[in-house]
């Protein structure tokens, strides 16, 4: 039942809830079967350091390896370095040592690079404690190459591909006030466009010939294997003259991470001489079509039944029910934006450029500043540029706070000064946005009314509570 509604409307919403519960019961066995198949096949998942998400991944995909996005880790470390390390040449030196550390190829080299990094950061204890306690100790196995090179991730060590697709979709949608039909059509058009682009890339891989791929070793690959895979194999072939057939020197990284022949394997084929057989290439690199191989076992997974059930339930609803299901929601102008809130490292970059030193005193919401292109970390695919970022009020009052807690502070945000700052702060910390302060205040009132007797004892009387 819904509070504040007329009896007729209460009955209508109650019927809607019953219909959706019935639909959920019908679909649950199919979703469970689909989930069992997916969870058994997923081996690697790349996420940001969202503890709740990481816990969910560990629960749903217990056999999968959860990697962390290296791009965002480096951005956060660089932002922390800008705020706590001076002068600038010291920042450059530390970031170079950091990159050498995360790209270590073995545990022995990692600990050697770590000792060098500790020595360089000896005068920057706050920064080193942040890196050591927030990243290296709990999560080094999820982003340092020493450990990530032990799983097959096909070169996906960042979330840039997903975020790029998400950014493209938001650019097409422009706002968040469209009904479900408009959003569905937009998403469908975008997927069709991506589908056509992928088909075009498949055709290029099959038809186009590259001079570098004319080596007889790659005879079996042309028109069958992705050109990107052949490029990676060609790069390994260039290293044959240095490693030969020595597996210790080769380290066989590309075999483990990409499912492709490494330098020591290629050396054996070049000595015969013999073309590299297709069966040593992971099947992922030879999927140059959307058509299912007729010789393979057809998949039993389908969503046709689920879609039919949803359509049937929708058609059974009356007009008000259909309108409530697909109708528009009235939201504030700020909530209609599809632009994401800037990351913490974007605030830091903007504040450093604003003052020309380590931070600026105030960044106000009335100014929209263009962010200059930021130098990307070597080996990482840069994120789509953010042309404009609307900055909330940020006051860097770090020096006003005790030094003992500086290493635990990631950001300081000054909420509105309209007398409701306490409620605004709580709403912001809960991830609701400070504009939801009225909801927090209402919840506090409900809490006081429900447990009035307890609070009378705590505050010394009803007059103080009211």
Protein backbone atom coordinates (compact mmCIF):
# COMPACT_ATOMS: atom_id res chain seq x y z
CA UNK A 1 0.00 0.00 0.00
CA UNK A 2 1.21 3.53 -0.75
CA UNK A 3 0.76 6.29 1.82
CA UNK A 4 -1.15 9.38 0.70
CA UNK A 5 -3.07 7.75 -2.21
CA UNK A 6 -6.81 7.41 -2.67
CA UNK A 7 -8.22 3.88 -2.06
CA UNK A 8 -8.81 3.21 -5.79
CA UNK A 9 -5.25 4.09 -6.64
CA UNK A 10 -3.96 2.03 -3.72
CA UNK A 11 -5.75 -1.01 -5.17
CA UNK A 12 -4.33 -0.34 -8.64
CA UNK A 13 -0.75 -0.11 -7.36
CA UNK A 14 -1.27 -3.19 -5.25
CA UNK A 15 -2.36 -5.10 -8.37
CA UNK A 16 0.71 -3.84 -10.24
CA UNK A 17 2.97 -5.11 -7.47
CA UNK A 18 1.25 -8.50 -7.56
CA UNK A 19 1.68 -8.69 -11.34
CA UNK A 20 5.40 -7.94 -11.14
CA UNK A 21 5.89 -10.45 -8.33
CA UNK A 22 4.17 -13.09 -10.44
CA UNK A 23 6.31 -12.16 -13.46
CA UNK A 24 9.46 -12.37 -11.31
CA UNK A 25 8.49 -15.86 -10.13
CA UNK A 26 7.98 -16.94 -13.75
CA UNK A 27 11.34 -15.59 -14.92
CA UNK A 28 13.49 -16.57 -11.96
CA UNK A 29 14.31 -20.17 -13.09
CA UNK A 30 15.48 -18.88 -16.49
CA UNK A 31 17.62 -16.17 -14.92
CA UNK A 32 19.12 -18.71 -12.50
CA UNK A 33 20.07 -21.04 -15.38
CA UNK A 34 21.60 -18.15 -17.33
CA UNK A 35 23.49 -16.97 -14.25
CA UNK A 36 24.96 -20.44 -13.63
CA UNK A 37 26.33 -20.60 -17.20
CA UNK A 38 27.75 -17.07 -17.10
CA UNK A 39 29.41 -17.43 -13.69
CA UNK A 40 31.10 -20.67 -14.77
CA UNK A 41 32.64 -19.06 -17.88
CA UNK A 42 33.82 -15.66 -16.54
CA UNK A 43 37.52 -15.75 -15.62
CA UNK A 44 38.55 -12.08 -15.29
CA UNK A 45 36.57 -8.97 -14.32
CA UNK A 46 38.03 -5.43 -14.35
CA UNK A 47 36.47 -2.86 -11.99
CA UNK A 48 37.35 0.29 -10.08
CA UNK A 49 38.13 0.08 -6.36
CA UNK A 50 34.51 0.01 -5.26
CA UNK A 51 34.52 -2.24 -2.18
CA UNK A 52 30.82 -3.09 -2.44
CA UNK A 53 31.21 -3.99 -6.12
CA UNK A 54 34.35 -6.03 -5.43
CA UNK A 55 32.55 -7.97 -2.69
CA UNK A 56 29.65 -8.62 -5.06
CA UNK A 57 32.02 -9.85 -7.77
CA UNK A 58 33.70 -12.19 -5.30
CA UNK A 59 30.31 -13.57 -4.24
CA UNK A 60 28.75 -13.95 -7.70
CA UNK A 61 31.92 -14.96 -9.57
CA UNK A 62 33.97 -16.87 -6.98
CA UNK A 63 36.29 -18.37 -9.62
CA UNK A 64 36.97 -15.08 -11.45
CA UNK A 65 40.01 -12.86 -10.92
CA UNK A 66 39.02 -9.27 -10.05
CA UNK A 67 41.51 -6.79 -11.55
CA UNK A 68 41.46 -3.07 -10.75
CA UNK A 69 41.56 -0.35 -13.41
CA UNK A 70 45.21 0.68 -13.70
CA UNK A 71 44.33 3.98 -15.38
CA UNK A 72 42.26 5.28 -12.46
CA UNK A 73 44.73 4.00 -9.88
CA UNK A 74 47.54 5.95 -11.54
CA UNK A 75 45.34 9.04 -11.77
CA UNK A 76 44.54 8.92 -8.05
CA UNK A 77 48.17 8.32 -7.09
CA UNK A 78 49.27 11.23 -9.31
CA UNK A 79 46.65 13.53 -7.76
CA UNK A 80 47.82 12.62 -4.25
CA UNK A 81 51.41 13.24 -5.32
CA UNK A 82 50.52 16.73 -6.60
CA UNK A 83 48.95 17.65 -3.27
CA UNK A 84 51.65 16.32 -0.94
CA UNK A 85 54.98 16.34 -2.82
CA UNK A 86 57.05 19.41 -3.69
CA UNK A 87 58.88 20.63 -5.74
CA UNK A 88 57.61 19.55 -9.17
CA UNK A 89 60.78 17.71 -10.23
CA UNK A 90 60.35 15.55 -7.12
CA UNK A 91 56.82 14.67 -8.32
CA UNK A 92 58.19 13.59 -11.69
CA UNK A 93 60.85 11.44 -10.03
CA UNK A 94 58.31 9.74 -7.77
CA UNK A 95 55.86 9.03 -10.60
CA UNK A 96 58.64 7.47 -12.70
CA UNK A 97 59.52 5.20 -9.77
CA UNK A 98 55.81 4.37 -9.36
CA UNK A 99 55.47 3.34 -13.02
CA UNK A 100 58.59 1.19 -12.77
CA UNK A 101 57.06 -0.48 -9.71
CA UNK A 102 53.66 -1.33 -11.22
CA UNK A 103 55.23 -2.65 -14.44
CA UNK A 104 57.55 -5.07 -12.62
CA UNK A 105 57.59 -8.47 -14.39
CA UNK A 106 58.48 -10.65 -11.39
CA UNK A 107 58.23 -10.68 -7.62
CA UNK A 108 62.01 -10.26 -7.16
CA UNK A 109 62.01 -7.21 -9.41
CA UNK A 110 58.86 -5.88 -7.70
CA UNK A 111 60.44 -5.88 -4.25
CA UNK A 112 63.62 -4.34 -5.64
CA UNK A 113 61.60 -1.54 -7.28
CA UNK A 114 59.59 -1.17 -4.07
CA UNK A 115 62.75 -0.53 -2.05
CA UNK A 116 63.79 2.13 -4.60
CA UNK A 117 60.31 3.69 -4.39
CA UNK A 118 60.52 3.74 -0.57
CA UNK A 119 63.88 5.49 -0.74
CA UNK A 120 62.60 8.19 -3.10
CA UNK A 121 59.52 8.76 -0.90
CA UNK A 122 61.51 8.87 2.35
CA UNK A 123 60.80 12.61 2.74
CA UNK A 124 57.12 12.27 1.71
CA UNK A 125 55.68 10.08 4.44
CA UNK A 126 52.07 11.15 3.93
CA UNK A 127 52.12 10.26 0.23
CA UNK A 128 53.98 6.98 0.80
CA UNK A 129 51.57 5.92 3.57
CA UNK A 130 48.65 6.58 1.21
CA UNK A 131 50.13 4.49 -1.62
CA UNK A 132 51.32 1.73 0.67
CA UNK A 133 48.18 1.37 2.82
CA UNK A 134 45.49 2.15 0.23
CA UNK A 135 46.90 0.34 -2.81
CA UNK A 136 50.01 -1.81 -2.44
CA UNK A 137 49.24 -3.78 0.71
CA UNK A 138 45.57 -4.69 0.03
CA UNK A 139 45.39 -4.66 -3.77
CA UNK A 140 48.81 -5.09 -5.43
CA UNK A 141 47.78 -8.50 -6.82
CA UNK A 142 44.94 -6.79 -8.73
CA UNK A 143 46.92 -4.22 -10.75
CA UNK A 144 50.71 -4.82 -10.59
CA UNK A 145 51.94 -6.67 -13.70
CA UNK A 146 53.83 -9.18 -11.57
CA UNK A 147 50.46 -10.74 -10.67
CA UNK A 148 48.12 -9.58 -13.46
CA UNK A 149 50.38 -11.27 -16.03
CA UNK A 150 49.39 -14.61 -14.52
CA UNK A 151 45.80 -14.46 -15.84
CA UNK A 152 44.40 -14.29 -19.38
CA UNK A 153 42.95 -10.78 -19.70
CA UNK A 154 43.63 -10.18 -23.44
CA UNK A 155 45.17 -6.79 -22.64
CA UNK A 156 42.10 -5.47 -20.77
CA UNK A 157 43.57 -3.94 -17.62
CA UNK A 158 41.49 -0.75 -17.57
CA UNK A 159 37.78 0.10 -17.71
CA UNK A 160 38.26 2.57 -20.56
CA UNK A 161 36.37 0.49 -23.15
CA UNK A 162 33.24 0.35 -20.99
CA UNK A 163 33.46 3.99 -19.94
CA UNK A 164 33.94 5.07 -23.54
CA UNK A 165 30.75 3.23 -24.57
CA UNK A 166 28.93 4.72 -21.57
CA UNK A 167 30.12 8.22 -22.50
CA UNK A 168 28.96 7.75 -26.10
CA UNK A 169 25.50 6.66 -24.93
CA UNK A 170 25.14 9.64 -22.59
CA UNK A 171 26.20 11.99 -25.37
CA UNK A 172 23.38 10.61 -27.54
CA UNK A 173 20.76 10.67 -24.76
CA UNK A 174 21.72 14.24 -23.69
CA UNK A 175 19.37 14.16 -20.69
CA UNK A 176 17.71 11.63 -18.38
CA UNK A 177 14.04 12.62 -18.71
CA UNK A 178 13.07 10.47 -21.71
CA UNK A 179 10.52 7.70 -21.30
CA UNK A 180 11.44 4.05 -21.64
CA UNK A 181 10.45 3.90 -25.32
CA UNK A 182 12.70 6.80 -26.35
CA UNK A 183 15.60 5.45 -24.31
CA UNK A 184 15.05 1.98 -25.77
CA UNK A 185 15.11 3.33 -29.34
CA UNK A 186 18.27 5.35 -28.63
CA UNK A 187 20.10 2.40 -27.12
CA UNK A 188 18.93 0.17 -29.98
CA UNK A 189 20.23 2.64 -32.58
CA UNK A 190 23.58 2.88 -30.80
CA UNK A 191 23.93 -0.91 -30.59
CA UNK A 192 23.08 -1.26 -34.31
CA UNK A 193 25.76 1.33 -35.11
CA UNK A 194 28.34 -0.49 -33.00
CA UNK A 195 27.30 -3.79 -34.57
CA UNK A 196 27.89 -2.39 -38.06
CA UNK A 197 31.29 -0.97 -37.04
CA UNK A 198 32.33 -4.37 -35.67
CA UNK A 199 31.21 -6.10 -38.88
CA UNK A 200 33.27 -3.58 -40.88
CA UNK A 201 36.31 -4.31 -38.71
CA UNK A 202 35.78 -8.05 -39.28
CA UNK A 203 35.80 -7.50 -43.05
CA UNK A 204 39.00 -5.45 -42.84
CA UNK A 205 40.69 -8.23 -40.90
CA UNK A 206 39.63 -10.76 -43.54
CA UNK A 207 40.31 -8.75 -46.73
CA UNK A 208 43.13 -6.27 -46.07
CA UNK A 209 46.71 -7.46 -46.35
CA UNK A 210 49.55 -5.96 -44.33
CA UNK A 211 53.12 -6.14 -45.60
CA UNK A 212 54.41 -6.95 -42.12
CA UNK A 213 52.23 -10.08 -42.12
CA UNK A 214 53.76 -11.53 -45.30
CA UNK A 215 56.14 -13.72 -43.29
CA UNK A 216 55.59 -17.42 -44.04
CA UNK A 217 55.17 -18.04 -40.32
CA UNK A 218 51.80 -16.27 -40.50
CA UNK A 219 50.45 -18.09 -43.57
CA UNK A 220 47.71 -19.83 -41.58
CA UNK A 221 46.62 -16.58 -39.91
CA UNK A 222 45.75 -14.31 -42.87
CA UNK A 223 41.99 -13.82 -43.18
CA UNK A 224 41.35 -16.05 -40.17
CA UNK A 225 42.94 -14.33 -37.18
CA UNK A 226 42.57 -10.73 -36.07
CA UNK A 227 45.25 -8.35 -37.36
CA UNK A 228 45.81 -7.14 -33.81
CA UNK A 229 46.73 -10.68 -32.81
CA UNK A 230 49.13 -11.00 -35.75
CA UNK A 231 50.74 -7.67 -34.76
CA UNK A 232 51.31 -9.01 -31.26
CA UNK A 233 52.81 -12.23 -32.64
CA UNK A 234 55.02 -10.19 -35.00
CA UNK A 235 56.28 -8.16 -32.04
CA UNK A 236 57.17 -11.38 -30.25
CA UNK A 237 58.93 -12.60 -33.41
CA UNK A 238 61.14 -9.49 -33.29
CA UNK A 239 62.31 -10.63 -29.87
CA UNK A 240 63.28 -14.13 -30.99
CA UNK A 241 66.84 -13.06 -31.77
CA UNK A 242 67.27 -11.95 -28.15
CA UNK A 243 65.62 -14.80 -26.23
CA UNK A 244 65.82 -17.81 -28.58
CA UNK A 245 64.13 -20.84 -27.04
CA UNK A 246 65.02 -19.92 -23.44
CA UNK A 247 61.73 -19.85 -21.51
CA UNK A 248 63.30 -18.11 -18.51
CA UNK A 249 64.45 -15.23 -20.71
CA UNK A 250 61.16 -15.14 -22.64
CA UNK A 251 58.90 -15.33 -19.55
CA UNK A 252 56.03 -16.36 -21.90
CA UNK A 253 53.89 -13.41 -20.78
CA UNK A 254 51.86 -13.09 -23.97
CA UNK A 255 51.01 -16.80 -23.88
CA UNK A 256 49.55 -16.39 -20.40
CA UNK A 257 47.79 -13.05 -20.86
CA UNK A 258 46.67 -13.19 -24.52
CA UNK A 259 46.66 -16.87 -25.48
CA UNK A 260 49.19 -16.23 -28.30
CA UNK A 261 52.55 -17.90 -29.06
CA UNK A 262 55.45 -16.24 -27.28
CA UNK A 263 58.97 -15.64 -28.56
CA UNK A 264 60.40 -19.00 -27.46
CA UNK A 265 57.52 -20.86 -29.17
CA UNK A 266 57.94 -18.86 -32.39
CA UNK A 267 61.69 -19.62 -32.33
CA UNK A 268 60.94 -23.34 -32.51
CA UNK A 269 58.65 -22.90 -35.54
CA UNK A 270 61.19 -20.65 -37.30
CA UNK A 271 63.93 -23.26 -36.86
CA UNK A 272 61.96 -26.01 -38.65
CA UNK A 273 60.85 -23.83 -40.70
CA UNK A 274 57.11 -24.25 -40.38
CA UNK A 275 54.04 -22.01 -40.35
CA UNK A 276 52.55 -21.44 -36.91
CA UNK A 277 49.48 -23.72 -36.61
CA UNK A 278 46.08 -22.21 -35.83
CA UNK A 279 45.46 -24.42 -32.82
CA UNK A 280 48.10 -22.54 -30.77
CA UNK A 281 46.04 -19.34 -31.11
CA UNK A 282 43.27 -18.78 -28.58
CA UNK A 283 39.86 -19.08 -30.24
CA UNK A 284 38.98 -15.54 -29.07
CA UNK A 285 41.30 -14.07 -31.74
CA UNK A 286 39.71 -16.02 -34.60
CA UNK A 287 36.10 -14.90 -34.08
CA UNK A 288 35.71 -12.68 -37.14
CA UNK A 289 31.98 -13.20 -37.61
CA UNK A 290 28.76 -13.03 -35.64
CA UNK A 291 27.46 -16.20 -37.26
CA UNK A 292 27.52 -19.33 -35.14
CA UNK A 293 29.52 -22.22 -36.52
CA UNK A 294 27.02 -24.85 -37.68
CA UNK A 295 29.34 -27.62 -36.53
CA UNK A 296 29.35 -26.31 -32.97
CA UNK A 297 26.68 -27.15 -30.43
CA UNK A 298 23.91 -24.53 -30.52
CA UNK A 299 23.46 -22.46 -27.39
CA UNK A 300 20.33 -23.05 -25.35
CA UNK A 301 20.42 -19.56 -23.88
CA UNK A 302 17.65 -17.27 -25.08
CA UNK A 303 15.70 -14.29 -23.76
CA UNK A 304 12.72 -14.77 -26.09
CA UNK A 305 10.56 -16.31 -23.38
CA UNK A 306 11.41 -13.54 -20.90
CA UNK A 307 10.57 -10.83 -23.43
CA UNK A 308 7.26 -12.52 -24.28
CA UNK A 309 6.33 -12.65 -20.59
CA UNK A 310 7.11 -8.95 -20.12
CA UNK A 311 5.11 -7.97 -23.21
CA UNK A 312 2.18 -10.12 -22.07
CA UNK A 313 2.15 -8.54 -18.62
CA UNK A 314 2.32 -5.07 -20.15
CA UNK A 315 -0.64 -5.77 -22.43
CA UNK A 316 -2.71 -7.05 -19.49
CA UNK A 317 -2.33 -3.73 -17.62
CA UNK A 318 -4.96 -1.00 -17.94
CA UNK A 319 -4.12 2.42 -19.36
CA UNK A 320 -3.03 4.01 -16.02
CA UNK A 321 -0.83 1.01 -15.36
CA UNK A 322 0.86 1.25 -18.77
CA UNK A 323 1.37 5.00 -18.35
CA UNK A 324 2.91 4.56 -14.91
CA UNK A 325 5.26 1.90 -16.29
CA UNK A 326 6.58 3.87 -19.26
CA UNK A 327 5.74 7.45 -18.35
CA UNK A 328 8.17 10.27 -17.73
CA UNK A 329 9.44 11.16 -14.28
CA UNK A 330 9.60 14.80 -13.23
CA UNK A 331 13.07 15.53 -11.97
CA UNK A 332 15.06 18.64 -11.23
CA UNK A 333 17.17 20.27 -13.91
CA UNK A 334 20.38 19.12 -12.24
CA UNK A 335 19.13 15.52 -12.21
CA UNK A 336 18.46 15.57 -15.97
CA UNK A 337 22.15 15.89 -16.79
CA UNK A 338 23.93 12.80 -18.03
CA UNK A 339 27.40 14.25 -17.35
CA UNK A 340 29.18 12.38 -14.56
CA UNK A 341 30.45 14.09 -11.43
CA UNK A 342 34.18 14.81 -11.82
CA UNK A 343 36.57 12.38 -10.18
CA UNK A 344 38.72 13.45 -7.26
CA UNK A 345 41.87 13.65 -9.40
CA UNK A 346 40.03 16.01 -11.79
CA UNK A 347 39.34 18.38 -8.87
CA UNK A 348 43.02 18.25 -7.94
CA UNK A 349 44.20 18.95 -11.50
CA UNK A 350 41.78 21.88 -11.79
CA UNK A 351 42.82 23.36 -8.43
CA UNK A 352 46.53 23.08 -9.23
CA UNK A 353 46.09 24.83 -12.56
CA UNK A 354 43.88 27.46 -10.93
CA UNK A 355 46.52 28.65 -8.47
CA UNK A 356 49.72 27.66 -10.24
CA UNK A 357 50.91 26.02 -7.00
CA UNK A 358 49.65 23.07 -5.00
CA UNK A 359 45.99 24.08 -4.61
CA UNK A 360 43.62 26.97 -5.02
CA UNK A 361 41.59 28.48 -2.24
CA UNK A 362 38.13 28.22 -3.78
CA UNK A 363 36.49 26.71 -6.82
CA UNK A 364 32.94 27.96 -7.23
CA UNK A 365 29.96 26.53 -9.04
CA UNK A 366 29.46 29.77 -10.98
CA UNK A 367 32.56 29.16 -13.07
CA UNK A 368 32.94 26.44 -15.65
CA UNK A 369 36.57 25.94 -16.49
CA UNK A 370 38.06 24.09 -19.41
CA UNK A 371 40.40 21.36 -18.29
CA UNK A 372 43.62 21.32 -20.27
CA UNK A 373 44.67 17.92 -21.66
CA UNK A 374 46.32 15.87 -18.94
CA UNK A 375 49.39 13.79 -19.75
CA UNK A 376 48.37 10.16 -19.82
CA UNK A 377 50.32 7.46 -18.02
CA UNK A 378 52.60 5.54 -20.34
CA UNK A 379 51.13 2.30 -21.73
CA UNK A 380 47.59 3.31 -20.81
CA UNK A 381 44.80 4.23 -23.22
CA UNK A 382 43.74 7.81 -22.43
CA UNK A 383 40.19 8.42 -21.35
CA UNK A 384 37.91 10.46 -23.65
CA UNK A 385 38.70 14.11 -22.91
CA UNK A 386 36.35 16.08 -20.69
CA UNK A 387 35.88 19.43 -22.43
CA UNK A 388 34.13 21.14 -19.56
CA UNK A 389 33.71 20.24 -15.92
CA UNK A 390 31.29 22.09 -13.68
CA UNK A 391 33.08 22.43 -10.37
CA UNK A 392 31.22 22.32 -7.06
CA UNK A 393 32.37 24.54 -4.19
CA UNK A 394 35.61 22.98 -2.93
CA UNK A 395 37.60 24.58 -0.10
CA UNK A 396 40.91 22.91 0.60
CA UNK A 397 41.01 23.52 4.37
CA UNK A 398 43.51 20.76 4.94
CA UNK A 399 45.95 22.99 6.83
CA UNK A 400 43.20 23.85 9.31
CA UNK A 401 42.90 20.23 10.43
CA UNK A 402 45.25 18.24 12.71
CA UNK A 403 48.30 16.85 10.93
CA UNK A 404 47.60 13.38 12.37
CA UNK A 405 44.52 12.91 10.19
CA UNK A 406 45.92 14.38 6.95
CA UNK A 407 46.75 10.99 5.48
CA UNK A 408 43.13 9.87 5.85
CA UNK A 409 41.70 12.88 3.93
CA UNK A 410 40.96 12.39 0.24
CA UNK A 411 38.88 15.49 -0.35
CA UNK A 412 37.24 18.40 1.48
CA UNK A 413 33.94 19.73 0.15
CA UNK A 414 32.26 22.86 1.47
CA UNK A 415 28.47 22.31 1.44
CA UNK A 416 25.85 25.07 1.27
CA UNK A 417 25.85 27.62 4.10
CA UNK A 418 22.07 28.07 4.41
CA UNK A 419 21.77 26.76 7.97
CA UNK A 420 21.22 23.15 6.87
CA UNK A 421 24.90 22.34 6.39
CA UNK A 422 24.78 19.41 8.82
CA UNK A 423 22.00 17.70 6.88
CA UNK A 424 23.75 18.52 3.60
CA UNK A 425 27.00 16.93 4.83
CA UNK A 426 25.22 13.73 5.88
CA UNK A 427 23.37 13.52 2.56
CA UNK A 428 26.64 13.98 0.67
CA UNK A 429 28.44 11.30 2.69
CA UNK A 430 25.59 8.86 2.01
CA UNK A 431 26.06 9.42 -1.73
CA UNK A 432 22.65 11.09 -2.16
CA UNK A 433 23.94 14.56 -2.99
CA UNK A 434 23.67 17.50 -0.63
CA UNK A 435 20.41 18.67 -2.25
CA UNK A 436 18.70 15.72 -0.52
CA UNK A 437 19.22 17.39 2.87
CA UNK A 438 15.45 17.77 3.40
CA UNK A 439 15.03 13.98 3.26
CA UNK A 440 17.76 13.53 5.89
CA UNK A 441 16.08 16.13 8.11
CA UNK A 442 12.73 14.38 7.77
CA UNK A 443 14.30 11.05 8.70
CA UNK A 444 15.83 12.66 11.82
CA UNK A 445 12.40 13.99 12.82
CA UNK A 446 10.88 10.53 12.37
CA UNK A 447 13.68 9.03 14.47
CA UNK A 448 13.10 11.54 17.29
CA UNK A 449 9.34 10.98 17.28
CA UNK A 450 9.65 7.20 17.28
CA UNK A 451 12.18 7.02 20.11
CA UNK A 452 11.21 10.15 22.06
CA UNK A 453 11.50 8.46 25.44
CA UNK A 454 15.09 7.39 24.77
CA UNK A 455 16.17 10.83 23.60
CA UNK A 456 14.47 12.49 26.59
CA UNK A 457 16.81 10.52 28.85
CA UNK A 458 19.88 11.30 26.71
CA UNK A 459 19.27 15.07 26.40
CA UNK A 460 17.68 15.63 29.81
CA UNK A 461 14.06 16.37 28.99
CA UNK A 462 11.46 16.75 26.28
CA UNK A 463 12.07 20.51 25.95
CA UNK A 464 15.66 19.92 24.81
CA UNK A 465 14.59 17.26 22.31
CA UNK A 466 11.92 19.46 20.74
